Amino acid sequence: MPVWLEILLNLSGYAGFVALASHGTACPSNCADHQTSTDDR
């Protein structure tokens, strides 16, 4: 596999992970409720 292809795959995988982590698709409502409750404190 060419080096540039490996770098491209690494970057795209990292970008996808960051996008999923920042989106919070695992628990959209629970995380939102938890976030608002911690902001009120």
N, C-alpha and C. Protein backbone atom coordinates (compact mmCIF):
# COMPACT_ATOMS: atom_id res chain seq x y z
N MET A 1 0.85 -1.19 0.00
CA MET A 1 0.00 0.00 0.00
C MET A 1 0.89 1.25 0.00
N PRO A 2 0.58 2.21 -0.85
CA PRO A 2 1.40 3.43 -0.89
C PRO A 2 1.33 4.21 0.42
N VAL A 3 2.38 4.96 0.70
CA VAL A 3 2.45 5.71 1.95
C VAL A 3 1.37 6.78 1.99
N TRP A 4 1.14 7.45 0.86
CA TRP A 4 0.14 8.53 0.85
C TRP A 4 -1.25 7.98 1.13
N LEU A 5 -1.51 6.74 0.70
CA LEU A 5 -2.82 6.14 0.95
C LEU A 5 -2.99 5.81 2.44
N GLU A 6 -1.93 5.34 3.05
CA GLU A 6 -1.99 5.05 4.49
C GLU A 6 -2.23 6.34 5.28
N ILE A 7 -1.55 7.41 4.92
CA ILE A 7 -1.73 8.69 5.61
C ILE A 7 -3.15 9.20 5.42
N LEU A 8 -3.67 9.05 4.20
CA LEU A 8 -5.03 9.50 3.93
C LEU A 8 -6.04 8.71 4.75
N LEU A 9 -5.85 7.40 4.86
CA LEU A 9 -6.76 6.58 5.66
C LEU A 9 -6.68 6.95 7.14
N ASN A 10 -5.46 7.20 7.62
CA ASN A 10 -5.30 7.58 9.02
C ASN A 10 -6.01 8.90 9.31
N LEU A 11 -5.83 9.87 8.43
CA LEU A 11 -6.45 11.18 8.64
C LEU A 11 -7.97 11.09 8.56
N SER A 12 -8.48 10.33 7.60
CA SER A 12 -9.93 10.22 7.47
C SER A 12 -10.53 9.47 8.66
N GLY A 13 -9.84 8.45 9.15
CA GLY A 13 -10.32 7.73 10.32
C GLY A 13 -10.33 8.61 11.55
N TYR A 14 -9.28 9.41 11.71
CA TYR A 14 -9.22 10.32 12.86
C TYR A 14 -10.32 11.37 12.77
N ALA A 15 -10.53 11.92 11.57
CA ALA A 15 -11.57 12.94 11.39
C ALA A 15 -12.95 12.35 11.67
N GLY A 16 -13.18 11.12 11.24
CA GLY A 16 -14.47 10.47 11.50
C GLY A 16 -14.69 10.24 12.98
N PHE A 17 -13.63 9.84 13.66
CA PHE A 17 -13.74 9.62 15.11
C PHE A 17 -14.04 10.92 15.84
N VAL A 18 -13.36 11.98 15.46
CA VAL A 18 -13.59 13.28 16.11
C VAL A 18 -15.00 13.77 15.83
N ALA A 19 -15.48 13.55 14.59
CA ALA A 19 -16.83 13.98 14.25
C ALA A 19 -17.87 13.23 15.08
N LEU A 20 -17.70 11.93 15.22
CA LEU A 20 -18.64 11.15 16.02
C LEU A 20 -18.57 11.54 17.49
N ALA A 21 -17.37 11.75 18.00
CA ALA A 21 -17.22 12.09 19.41
C ALA A 21 -17.82 13.46 19.71
N SER A 22 -17.64 14.42 18.81
CA SER A 22 -18.16 15.75 19.07
C SER A 22 -19.67 15.80 18.85
N HIS A 23 -20.19 14.94 18.00
CA HIS A 23 -21.63 14.91 17.74
C HIS A 23 -22.39 14.34 18.93
N GLY A 24 -21.82 13.35 19.60
CA GLY A 24 -22.50 12.72 20.72
C GLY A 24 -23.67 11.87 20.25
N THR A 25 -23.46 11.04 19.22
CA THR A 25 -24.55 10.24 18.67
C THR A 25 -24.91 9.08 19.59
N ALA A 26 -24.05 8.76 20.57
CA ALA A 26 -24.32 7.61 21.43
C ALA A 26 -25.54 7.88 22.33
N CYS A 27 -25.62 9.09 22.90
CA CYS A 27 -26.74 9.42 23.78
C CYS A 27 -27.08 10.89 23.60
N PRO A 28 -27.81 11.23 22.55
CA PRO A 28 -28.09 12.65 22.28
C PRO A 28 -28.92 13.33 23.37
N SER A 29 -29.99 12.69 23.85
CA SER A 29 -30.85 13.35 24.83
C SER A 29 -30.24 13.29 26.24
N ASN A 30 -29.67 12.16 26.60
CA ASN A 30 -29.10 12.02 27.94
C ASN A 30 -27.93 12.95 28.14
N CYS A 31 -27.05 13.03 27.14
CA CYS A 31 -25.89 13.89 27.27
C CYS A 31 -26.32 15.36 27.31
N ALA A 32 -27.34 15.71 26.54
CA ALA A 32 -27.82 17.09 26.53
C ALA A 32 -28.40 17.44 27.90
N ASP A 33 -29.19 16.53 28.49
CA ASP A 33 -29.76 16.79 29.81
C ASP A 33 -28.66 16.91 30.86
N HIS A 34 -27.67 16.06 30.78
CA HIS A 34 -26.57 16.09 31.74
C HIS A 34 -25.79 17.39 31.58
N GLN A 35 -25.63 17.84 30.35
CA GLN A 35 -24.86 19.06 30.11
C GLN A 35 -25.59 20.27 30.68
N THR A 36 -26.90 20.32 30.49
CA THR A 36 -27.65 21.47 31.01
C THR A 36 -27.70 21.46 32.53
N SER A 37 -27.76 20.27 33.13
CA SER A 37 -27.82 20.22 34.59
C SER A 37 -26.48 20.66 35.19
N THR A 38 -25.36 20.34 34.53
CA THR A 38 -24.07 20.77 35.07
C THR A 38 -23.87 22.25 34.83
N ASP A 39 -24.49 22.83 33.79
CA ASP A 39 -24.36 24.26 33.55
C ASP A 39 -25.12 25.06 34.61
N ASP A 40 -26.21 24.50 35.14
CA ASP A 40 -27.00 25.22 36.13
C ASP A 40 -26.28 25.32 37.47
N ARG A 41 -25.37 24.40 37.74
CA ARG A 41 -24.69 24.40 39.04
C ARG A 41 -23.73 25.55 39.19
